[in-house]
Amino acid sequence: MNFPLDNLVITGACGGLGSALAQQALARGAHVALVGLNIEALGKLAATAPGRCAIYTPDVSDSAAMQAMAQDWMSRFGLPDAVIANAGVAGGFDTAEASDLAVFRRILEINLLGVATTFRPFLAPMRARGRGTLVGIASLAGRRGLPGNGAYCASKGGLIRYLQSLRAELRPSGLRVCTVNPGYLRTALTAGNRFAMPGLMAPEEAASAILRAISRGTEELVLPRRLGWLAAALDLLPARWHDALLLRQPRKPRAGEPGSTAIPGLPSPADPDSRAR
């Protein structure tokens, strides 16, 4: 059975996986709510499908802003078939550094809380209709802690458990919850990584697999599948051996270090008074 994907809400649609998802959905004729912070990038996407898009630039962790976005979209285009909570950030983390506690908090706000605030406005109307899919973009990093990447791993590990809980709650309602666990995608979030990234995928390839999985009603998706098998095999190792392997790899760049990416809502290292837009 294939489920319709004619009306989608996609957060983090400015680039990488979110942009690839939006491009492919629009190419198929869908109406798409483009949610992100880079209005120029969103505008280019919207220009490819006039009349079938709307642009929104809320902070995904702001429940009031996300409620306003959802109400506007549904009043104009109706209830979505699927809501894809894709917005996410990444950054290295060092517990010994006091400044990194703000990084930890912000990563959790965007990667974990932001998924709940994205889903919430659509849940009641989807339940009333008895159909719809909620998609959370988690990560294989949520299955095992990685040295120097504790904030990101914690956020994605928490997201996996949240989506499992939500799936169980909603199973009697006819709604579906899909957990997507990508490995490494060729995006801005991984461009500065100095460690090995086996199974590196193009975001376009991942987007095709995700849309296909949503339409089929898939509940869990690992990308690429072989990397999921590798992760499962490594999990069979004693923790000491597993940790020793990981400690040989360079750590994820922290905020302000070469290769790091900006985290919206945190001061820029170059300008303490600035805020990412």
C-alpha atoms as a PDB file:
ATOM      1  CA  MET A   1       0.000   0.000   0.000  1.00  0.00           C
ATOM      2  CA  ASN A   2       1.285   3.445  -0.919  1.00  0.00           C
ATOM      3  CA  PHE A   3       0.296   6.480   1.107  1.00  0.00           C
ATOM      4  CA  PRO A   4      -0.157   9.897  -0.547  1.00  0.00           C
ATOM      5  CA  LEU A   5       2.561  12.519  -0.328  1.00  0.00           C
ATOM      6  CA  ASP A   6       0.742  15.434  -1.912  1.00  0.00           C
ATOM      7  CA  ASN A   7       1.085  17.813   1.037  1.00  0.00           C
ATOM      8  CA  LEU A   8       4.291  17.950   3.087  1.00  0.00           C
ATOM      9  CA  VAL A   9       5.824  20.074   5.821  1.00  0.00           C
ATOM     10  CA  ILE A  10       9.630  19.939   5.852  1.00  0.00           C
ATOM     11  CA  THR A  11      11.803  21.659   8.447  1.00  0.00           C
ATOM     12  CA  GLY A  12      15.464  22.361   7.795  1.00  0.00           C
ATOM     13  CA  ALA A  13      14.618  22.821   4.121  1.00  0.00           C
ATOM     14  CA  CYS A  14      17.405  25.347   3.447  1.00  0.00           C
ATOM     15  CA  GLY A  15      20.060  22.877   2.400  1.00  0.00           C
ATOM     16  CA  GLY A  16      21.438  19.386   2.565  1.00  0.00           C
ATOM     17  CA  LEU A  17      18.900  16.637   3.134  1.00  0.00           C
ATOM     18  CA  GLY A  18      15.985  19.014   3.738  1.00  0.00           C
ATOM     19  CA  SER A  19      16.544  20.824   0.465  1.00  0.00           C
ATOM     20  CA  ALA A  20      16.857  17.519  -1.407  1.00  0.00           C
ATOM     21  CA  LEU A  21      13.599  16.280   0.136  1.00  0.00           C
ATOM     22  CA  ALA A  22      11.820  19.498  -0.829  1.00  0.00           C
ATOM     23  CA  GLN A  23      13.181  19.495  -4.382  1.00  0.00           C
ATOM     24  CA  GLN A  24      12.098  15.922  -5.018  1.00  0.00           C
ATOM     25  CA  ALA A  25       8.672  16.395  -3.442  1.00  0.00           C
ATOM     26  CA  LEU A  26       8.057  19.533  -5.493  1.00  0.00           C
ATOM     27  CA  ALA A  27       9.201  17.758  -8.656  1.00  0.00           C
ATOM     28  CA  ARG A  28       6.497  15.165  -7.982  1.00  0.00           C
ATOM     29  CA  GLY A  29       3.836  17.874  -7.798  1.00  0.00           C
ATOM     30  CA  ALA A  30       3.449  18.097  -4.020  1.00  0.00           C
ATOM     31  CA  HIS A  31       2.556  21.189  -2.014  1.00  0.00           C
ATOM     32  CA  VAL A  32       5.405  21.824   0.435  1.00  0.00           C
ATOM     33  CA  ALA A  33       5.786  24.043   3.490  1.00  0.00           C
ATOM     34  CA  LEU A  34       9.431  25.146   3.404  1.00  0.00           C
ATOM     35  CA  VAL A  35      10.620  25.745   6.960  1.00  0.00           C
ATOM     36  CA  GLY A  36      14.119  27.028   7.646  1.00  0.00           C
ATOM     37  CA  LEU A  37      16.241  30.044   8.526  1.00  0.00           C
ATOM     38  CA  ASN A  38      17.854  30.905   5.180  1.00  0.00           C
ATOM     39  CA  ILE A  39      15.115  32.806   3.390  1.00  0.00           C
ATOM     40  CA  GLU A  40      17.190  33.199   0.213  1.00  0.00           C
ATOM     41  CA  ALA A  41      17.676  29.443  -0.145  1.00  0.00           C
ATOM     42  CA  LEU A  42      14.000  28.835   0.590  1.00  0.00           C
ATOM     43  CA  GLY A  43      13.026  31.445  -1.970  1.00  0.00           C
ATOM     44  CA  LYS A  44      14.971  29.632  -4.685  1.00  0.00           C
ATOM     45  CA  LEU A  45      13.153  26.429  -3.862  1.00  0.00           C
ATOM     46  CA  ALA A  46       9.770  28.127  -3.852  1.00  0.00           C
ATOM     47  CA  ALA A  47      10.498  29.707  -7.228  1.00  0.00           C
ATOM     48  CA  THR A  48      10.610  26.242  -8.794  1.00  0.00           C
ATOM     49  CA  ALA A  49       6.959  25.599  -7.913  1.00  0.00           C
ATOM     50  CA  PRO A  50       4.962  28.843  -7.763  1.00  0.00           C
ATOM     51  CA  GLY A  51       1.681  28.471  -5.923  1.00  0.00           C
ATOM     52  CA  ARG A  52       2.628  25.181  -4.267  1.00  0.00           C
ATOM     53  CA  CYS A  53       4.934  26.471  -1.517  1.00  0.00           C
ATOM     54  CA  ALA A  54       4.995  28.770   1.462  1.00  0.00           C
ATOM     55  CA  ILE A  55       8.132  29.943   3.264  1.00  0.00           C
ATOM     56  CA  TYR A  56       8.419  30.000   7.064  1.00  0.00           C
ATOM     57  CA  THR A  57      11.423  31.036   9.163  1.00  0.00           C
ATOM     58  CA  PRO A  58      10.625  30.154  12.806  1.00  0.00           C
ATOM     59  CA  ASP A  59      12.958  28.788  15.438  1.00  0.00           C
ATOM     60  CA  VAL A  60      11.818  25.160  15.516  1.00  0.00           C
ATOM     61  CA  SER A  61      12.156  25.062  19.306  1.00  0.00           C
ATOM     62  CA  ASP A  62       9.680  27.959  19.682  1.00  0.00           C
ATOM     63  CA  SER A  63       6.290  26.299  20.170  1.00  0.00           C
ATOM     64  CA  ALA A  64       4.292  29.489  19.554  1.00  0.00           C
ATOM     65  CA  ALA A  65       6.126  30.186  16.294  1.00  0.00           C
ATOM     66  CA  MET A  66       5.656  26.615  15.119  1.00  0.00           C
ATOM     67  CA  GLN A  67       1.964  26.743  15.999  1.00  0.00           C
ATOM     68  CA  ALA A  68       1.575  29.904  13.922  1.00  0.00           C
ATOM     69  CA  MET A  69       3.388  28.271  11.001  1.00  0.00           C
ATOM     70  CA  ALA A  70       1.150  25.198  11.148  1.00  0.00           C
ATOM     71  CA  GLN A  71      -2.059  27.192  11.355  1.00  0.00           C
ATOM     72  CA  ASP A  72      -1.096  29.337   8.386  1.00  0.00           C
ATOM     73  CA  TRP A  73      -0.124  26.337   6.264  1.00  0.00           C
ATOM     74  CA  MET A  74      -3.272  24.371   7.050  1.00  0.00           C
ATOM     75  CA  SER A  75      -5.502  27.382   6.411  1.00  0.00           C
ATOM     76  CA  ARG A  76      -3.959  27.801   2.956  1.00  0.00           C
ATOM     77  CA  PHE A  77      -3.196  24.268   1.799  1.00  0.00           C
ATOM     78  CA  GLY A  78      -4.915  21.900   4.202  1.00  0.00           C
ATOM     79  CA  LEU A  79      -3.670  19.183   6.519  1.00  0.00           C
ATOM     80  CA  PRO A  80      -0.356  17.616   5.444  1.00  0.00           C
ATOM     81  CA  ASP A  81       0.036  13.960   4.546  1.00  0.00           C
ATOM     82  CA  ALA A  82       3.422  13.931   6.277  1.00  0.00           C
ATOM     83  CA  VAL A  83       5.436  16.220   8.542  1.00  0.00           C
ATOM     84  CA  ILE A  84       9.195  15.711   8.215  1.00  0.00           C
ATOM     85  CA  ALA A  85      11.116  17.070  11.208  1.00  0.00           C
ATOM     86  CA  ASN A  86      14.511  17.348   9.593  1.00  0.00           C
ATOM     87  CA  ALA A  87      15.974  20.509  11.165  1.00  0.00           C
ATOM     88  CA  GLY A  88      19.155  19.687  13.040  1.00  0.00           C
ATOM     89  CA  VAL A  89      22.557  20.982  14.056  1.00  0.00           C
ATOM     90  CA  ALA A  90      25.826  19.351  15.045  1.00  0.00           C
ATOM     91  CA  GLY A  91      28.941  20.362  16.891  1.00  0.00           C
ATOM     92  CA  GLY A  92      31.719  18.938  19.002  1.00  0.00           C
ATOM     93  CA  PHE A  93      31.338  19.050  22.761  1.00  0.00           C
ATOM     94  CA  ASP A  94      33.768  19.075  25.684  1.00  0.00           C
ATOM     95  CA  THR A  95      32.251  18.704  29.150  1.00  0.00           C
ATOM     96  CA  ALA A  96      35.302  20.402  30.693  1.00  0.00           C
ATOM     97  CA  GLU A  97      34.571  23.647  28.806  1.00  0.00           C
ATOM     98  CA  ALA A  98      31.944  25.840  30.497  1.00  0.00           C
ATOM     99  CA  SER A  99      31.072  27.576  27.214  1.00  0.00           C
ATOM    100  CA  ASP A 100      30.117  24.231  25.675  1.00  0.00           C
ATOM    101  CA  LEU A 101      27.181  23.804  28.057  1.00  0.00           C
ATOM    102  CA  ALA A 102      25.299  26.384  25.997  1.00  0.00           C
ATOM    103  CA  VAL A 103      26.139  24.357  22.897  1.00  0.00           C
ATOM    104  CA  PHE A 104      24.741  21.218  24.538  1.00  0.00           C
ATOM    105  CA  ARG A 105      21.525  23.002  25.493  1.00  0.00           C
ATOM    106  CA  ARG A 106      21.001  24.498  22.045  1.00  0.00           C
ATOM    107  CA  ILE A 107      21.644  21.216  20.250  1.00  0.00           C
ATOM    108  CA  LEU A 108      19.034  19.542  22.449  1.00  0.00           C
ATOM    109  CA  GLU A 109      16.570  22.378  21.827  1.00  0.00           C
ATOM    110  CA  ILE A 110      16.839  22.084  18.053  1.00  0.00           C
ATOM    111  CA  ASN A 111      17.432  18.365  17.523  1.00  0.00           C
ATOM    112  CA  LEU A 112      15.086  16.978  20.186  1.00  0.00           C
ATOM    113  CA  LEU A 113      12.626  19.582  21.460  1.00  0.00           C
ATOM    114  CA  GLY A 114      12.314  20.975  17.936  1.00  0.00           C
ATOM    115  CA  VAL A 115      10.863  17.691  16.699  1.00  0.00           C
ATOM    116  CA  ALA A 116       8.131  17.703  19.346  1.00  0.00           C
ATOM    117  CA  THR A 117       7.253  21.348  18.657  1.00  0.00           C
ATOM    118  CA  THR A 118       7.129  20.561  14.935  1.00  0.00           C
ATOM    119  CA  PHE A 119       4.736  17.635  15.365  1.00  0.00           C
ATOM    120  CA  ARG A 120       2.466  19.066  18.068  1.00  0.00           C
ATOM    121  CA  PRO A 121       0.273  21.462  16.010  1.00  0.00           C
ATOM    122  CA  PHE A 122      -0.542  18.752  13.482  1.00  0.00           C
ATOM    123  CA  LEU A 123      -1.229  15.892  15.864  1.00  0.00           C
ATOM    124  CA  ALA A 124      -4.836  16.614  16.863  1.00  0.00           C
ATOM    125  CA  PRO A 125      -6.112  17.298  13.318  1.00  0.00           C
ATOM    126  CA  MET A 126      -4.257  14.250  11.993  1.00  0.00           C
ATOM    127  CA  ARG A 127      -5.849  12.117  14.696  1.00  0.00           C
ATOM    128  CA  ALA A 128      -9.278  13.474  13.802  1.00  0.00           C
ATOM    129  CA  ARG A 129      -8.691  12.567  10.157  1.00  0.00           C
ATOM    130  CA  GLY A 130      -7.228   9.183  11.080  1.00  0.00           C
ATOM    131  CA  ARG A 131      -4.306   9.410   8.688  1.00  0.00           C
ATOM    132  CA  GLY A 132      -0.873  10.989   8.475  1.00  0.00           C
ATOM    133  CA  THR A 133       2.827  10.349   8.971  1.00  0.00           C
ATOM    134  CA  LEU A 134       5.242  11.994  11.392  1.00  0.00           C
ATOM    135  CA  VAL A 135       8.868  11.598  10.325  1.00  0.00           C
ATOM    136  CA  GLY A 136      11.837  12.265  12.578  1.00  0.00           C
ATOM    137  CA  ILE A 137      15.335  12.460  11.113  1.00  0.00           C
ATOM    138  CA  ALA A 138      17.476  10.912  13.828  1.00  0.00           C
ATOM    139  CA  SER A 139      20.942   9.409  13.250  1.00  0.00           C
ATOM    140  CA  LEU A 140      22.990   6.279  13.692  1.00  0.00           C
ATOM    141  CA  ALA A 141      24.992   8.460  16.093  1.00  0.00           C
ATOM    142  CA  GLY A 142      22.026   8.147  18.441  1.00  0.00           C
ATOM    143  CA  ARG A 143      22.709   4.439  18.870  1.00  0.00           C
ATOM    144  CA  ARG A 144      26.137   4.811  20.476  1.00  0.00           C
ATOM    145  CA  GLY A 145      28.024   7.658  22.110  1.00  0.00           C
ATOM    146  CA  LEU A 146      31.011   9.009  20.163  1.00  0.00           C
ATOM    147  CA  PRO A 147      33.980  10.713  21.887  1.00  0.00           C
ATOM    148  CA  GLY A 148      33.795  14.492  21.558  1.00  0.00           C
ATOM    149  CA  ASN A 149      30.289  14.339  20.130  1.00  0.00           C
ATOM    150  CA  GLY A 150      28.242  13.809  23.271  1.00  0.00           C
ATOM    151  CA  ALA A 151      25.737  16.606  22.705  1.00  0.00           C
ATOM    152  CA  TYR A 152      24.770  15.456  19.221  1.00  0.00           C
ATOM    153  CA  CYS A 153      24.672  11.775  20.191  1.00  0.00           C
ATOM    154  CA  ALA A 154      22.518  12.581  23.225  1.00  0.00           C
ATOM    155  CA  SER A 155      20.084  14.600  21.131  1.00  0.00           C
ATOM    156  CA  LYS A 156      19.703  11.877  18.506  1.00  0.00           C
ATOM    157  CA  GLY A 157      19.568   9.074  21.061  1.00  0.00           C
ATOM    158  CA  GLY A 158      16.812  10.923  22.867  1.00  0.00           C
ATOM    159  CA  LEU A 159      15.031  11.492  19.571  1.00  0.00           C
ATOM    160  CA  ILE A 160      15.052   7.781  18.758  1.00  0.00           C
ATOM    161  CA  ARG A 161      13.429   6.992  22.120  1.00  0.00           C
ATOM    162  CA  TYR A 162      10.911   9.818  21.741  1.00  0.00           C
ATOM    163  CA  LEU A 163       9.859   8.550  18.313  1.00  0.00           C
ATOM    164  CA  GLN A 164       9.525   5.007  19.659  1.00  0.00           C
ATOM    165  CA  SER A 165       7.247   6.290  22.425  1.00  0.00           C
ATOM    166  CA  LEU A 166       5.178   8.358  20.015  1.00  0.00           C
ATOM    167  CA  ARG A 167       4.814   5.444  17.604  1.00  0.00           C
ATOM    168  CA  ALA A 168       3.389   3.249  20.367  1.00  0.00           C
ATOM    169  CA  GLU A 169       0.996   5.991  21.503  1.00  0.00           C
ATOM    170  CA  LEU A 170      -0.325   6.635  18.007  1.00  0.00           C
ATOM    171  CA  ARG A 171      -0.536   3.089  16.683  1.00  0.00           C
ATOM    172  CA  PRO A 172      -4.271   2.737  17.523  1.00  0.00           C
ATOM    173  CA  SER A 173      -5.056   6.066  15.820  1.00  0.00           C
ATOM    174  CA  GLY A 174      -4.041   5.152  12.266  1.00  0.00           C
ATOM    175  CA  LEU A 175      -1.156   7.617  12.303  1.00  0.00           C
ATOM    176  CA  ARG A 176       2.343   6.425  11.484  1.00  0.00           C
ATOM    177  CA  VAL A 177       5.693   7.437  12.924  1.00  0.00           C
ATOM    178  CA  CYS A 178       8.830   6.913  10.854  1.00  0.00           C
ATOM    179  CA  THR A 179      12.313   7.030  12.383  1.00  0.00           C
ATOM    180  CA  VAL A 180      15.089   7.713   9.885  1.00  0.00           C
ATOM    181  CA  ASN A 181      18.639   6.918  11.000  1.00  0.00           C
ATOM    182  CA  PRO A 182      21.097   8.180   8.405  1.00  0.00           C
ATOM    183  CA  GLY A 183      24.784   7.580   8.689  1.00  0.00           C
ATOM    184  CA  TYR A 184      27.024  10.186   7.080  1.00  0.00           C
ATOM    185  CA  LEU A 185      25.506  12.494   4.463  1.00  0.00           C
ATOM    186  CA  ARG A 186      27.535  14.794   2.234  1.00  0.00           C
ATOM    187  CA  THR A 187      26.257  18.084   3.699  1.00  0.00           C
ATOM    188  CA  ALA A 188      27.591  21.189   5.433  1.00  0.00           C
ATOM    189  CA  LEU A 189      27.283  19.413   8.797  1.00  0.00           C
ATOM    190  CA  THR A 190      29.855  16.800   7.789  1.00  0.00           C
ATOM    191  CA  ALA A 191      32.082  18.903   5.522  1.00  0.00           C
ATOM    192  CA  GLY A 192      34.461  19.766   8.356  1.00  0.00           C
ATOM    193  CA  ASN A 193      34.724  16.276   9.823  1.00  0.00           C
ATOM    194  CA  ARG A 194      38.276  14.984   9.987  1.00  0.00           C
ATOM    195  CA  PHE A 195      37.391  11.413  10.933  1.00  0.00           C
ATOM    196  CA  ALA A 196      36.485   8.459   8.720  1.00  0.00           C
ATOM    197  CA  MET A 197      32.922   8.535   7.372  1.00  0.00           C
ATOM    198  CA  PRO A 198      32.122   5.083   5.957  1.00  0.00           C
ATOM    199  CA  GLY A 199      29.071   4.833   3.744  1.00  0.00           C
ATOM    200  CA  LEU A 200      29.012   8.575   2.958  1.00  0.00           C
ATOM    201  CA  MET A 201      25.831   9.281   0.952  1.00  0.00           C
ATOM    202  CA  ALA A 202      24.678  12.104  -1.262  1.00  0.00           C
ATOM    203  CA  PRO A 203      21.641  13.871   0.239  1.00  0.00           C
ATOM    204  CA  GLU A 204      19.717  13.353  -3.003  1.00  0.00           C
ATOM    205  CA  GLU A 205      20.101   9.579  -2.711  1.00  0.00           C
ATOM    206  CA  ALA A 206      18.986   9.669   0.909  1.00  0.00           C
ATOM    207  CA  ALA A 207      15.998  11.868   0.095  1.00  0.00           C
ATOM    208  CA  SER A 208      14.751   9.434  -2.553  1.00  0.00           C
ATOM    209  CA  ALA A 209      14.967   6.540  -0.108  1.00  0.00           C
ATOM    210  CA  ILE A 210      13.184   8.513   2.625  1.00  0.00           C
ATOM    211  CA  LEU A 211      10.261   9.602   0.447  1.00  0.00           C
ATOM    212  CA  ARG A 212       9.906   6.069  -0.838  1.00  0.00           C
ATOM    213  CA  ALA A 213       9.889   4.719   2.733  1.00  0.00           C
ATOM    214  CA  ILE A 214       7.271   7.237   3.870  1.00  0.00           C
ATOM    215  CA  SER A 215       4.959   6.375   0.995  1.00  0.00           C
ATOM    216  CA  ARG A 216       5.274   2.677   1.865  1.00  0.00           C
ATOM    217  CA  GLY A 217       4.512   3.187   5.556  1.00  0.00           C
ATOM    218  CA  THR A 218       7.989   2.157   6.726  1.00  0.00           C
ATOM    219  CA  GLU A 219       8.478   2.658  10.456  1.00  0.00           C
ATOM    220  CA  GLU A 220      12.285   2.567  10.639  1.00  0.00           C
ATOM    221  CA  LEU A 221      14.880   3.305   7.984  1.00  0.00           C
ATOM    222  CA  VAL A 222      18.673   3.085   8.193  1.00  0.00           C
ATOM    223  CA  LEU A 223      20.774   4.767   5.495  1.00  0.00           C
ATOM    224  CA  PRO A 224      22.766   3.163   4.063  1.00  0.00           C
ATOM    225  CA  ARG A 225      21.579  -0.233   5.256  1.00  0.00           C
ATOM    226  CA  ARG A 226      25.095  -1.701   5.260  1.00  0.00           C
ATOM    227  CA  LEU A 227      26.238   0.955   7.731  1.00  0.00           C
ATOM    228  CA  GLY A 228      23.484  -0.138  10.089  1.00  0.00           C
ATOM    229  CA  TRP A 229      24.847  -3.674   9.886  1.00  0.00           C
ATOM    230  CA  LEU A 230      28.351  -2.382  10.616  1.00  0.00           C
ATOM    231  CA  ALA A 231      27.106  -0.414  13.634  1.00  0.00           C
ATOM    232  CA  ALA A 232      25.292  -3.486  14.931  1.00  0.00           C
ATOM    233  CA  ALA A 233      28.449  -5.579  14.531  1.00  0.00           C
ATOM    234  CA  LEU A 234      30.555  -3.009  16.391  1.00  0.00           C
ATOM    235  CA  ASP A 235      28.028  -2.992  19.213  1.00  0.00           C
ATOM    236  CA  LEU A 236      28.917  -6.648  19.821  1.00  0.00           C
ATOM    237  CA  LEU A 237      32.438  -5.636  20.816  1.00  0.00           C
ATOM    238  CA  PRO A 238      33.280  -5.111  24.484  1.00  0.00           C
ATOM    239  CA  ALA A 239      32.886  -1.429  25.350  1.00  0.00           C
ATOM    240  CA  ARG A 240      36.610  -1.050  26.030  1.00  0.00           C
ATOM    241  CA  TRP A 241      37.506  -2.285  22.536  1.00  0.00           C
ATOM    242  CA  HIS A 242      34.818  -0.152  20.897  1.00  0.00           C
ATOM    243  CA  ASP A 243      35.996   2.966  22.742  1.00  0.00           C
ATOM    244  CA  ALA A 244      39.618   2.306  21.820  1.00  0.00           C
ATOM    245  CA  LEU A 245      38.679   2.195  18.134  1.00  0.00           C
ATOM    246  CA  LEU A 246      36.764   5.469  18.353  1.00  0.00           C
ATOM    247  CA  LEU A 247      39.432   7.288  20.340  1.00  0.00           C
ATOM    248  CA  ARG A 248      41.847   6.826  17.435  1.00  0.00           C
ATOM    249  CA  GLN A 249      39.667   9.092  15.295  1.00  0.00           C
ATOM    250  CA  PRO A 250      39.855  12.910  15.346  1.00  0.00           C
ATOM    251  CA  ARG A 251      37.093  14.584  17.341  1.00  0.00           C
ATOM    252  CA  LYS A 252      34.181  16.550  15.909  1.00  0.00           C
ATOM    253  CA  PRO A 253      35.170  20.248  15.603  1.00  0.00           C
ATOM    254  CA  ARG A 254      33.844  22.397  18.447  1.00  0.00           C
ATOM    255  CA  ALA A 255      32.234  25.792  17.874  1.00  0.00           C
ATOM    256  CA  GLY A 256      34.825  28.210  16.524  1.00  0.00           C
ATOM    257  CA  GLU A 257      37.280  25.505  15.476  1.00  0.00           C
ATOM    258  CA  PRO A 258      38.152  24.908  11.798  1.00  0.00           C
ATOM    259  CA  GLY A 259      35.468  22.824  10.157  1.00  0.00           C
ATOM    260  CA  SER A 260      32.717  23.672  12.637  1.00  0.00           C
ATOM    261  CA  THR A 261      29.310  24.910  11.518  1.00  0.00           C
ATOM    262  CA  ALA A 262      27.276  27.713  13.055  1.00  0.00           C
ATOM    263  CA  ILE A 263      24.534  26.763  15.496  1.00  0.00           C
ATOM    264  CA  PRO A 264      21.505  29.096  15.210  1.00  0.00           C
ATOM    265  CA  GLY A 265      20.733  30.904  18.437  1.00  0.00           C
ATOM    266  CA  LEU A 266      24.310  30.872  19.743  1.00  0.00           C
ATOM    267  CA  PRO A 267      26.733  33.802  19.604  1.00  0.00           C
ATOM    268  CA  SER A 268      29.189  33.659  16.741  1.00  0.00           C
ATOM    269  CA  PRO A 269      32.728  33.001  18.019  1.00  0.00           C
ATOM    270  CA  ALA A 270      33.917  35.912  15.880  1.00  0.00           C
ATOM    271  CA  ASP A 271      31.282  38.294  17.220  1.00  0.00           C
ATOM    272  CA  PRO A 272      29.865  37.593  20.688  1.00  0.00           C
ATOM    273  CA  ASP A 273      26.936  39.943  20.038  1.00  0.00           C
ATOM    274  CA  SER A 274      25.856  38.283  16.796  1.00  0.00           C
ATOM    275  CA  ARG A 275      23.202  35.622  16.392  1.00  0.00           C
ATOM    276  CA  ALA A 276      22.928  33.104  13.581  1.00  0.00           C
ATOM    277  CA  ARG A 277      20.054  33.897  11.268  1.00  0.00           C
END
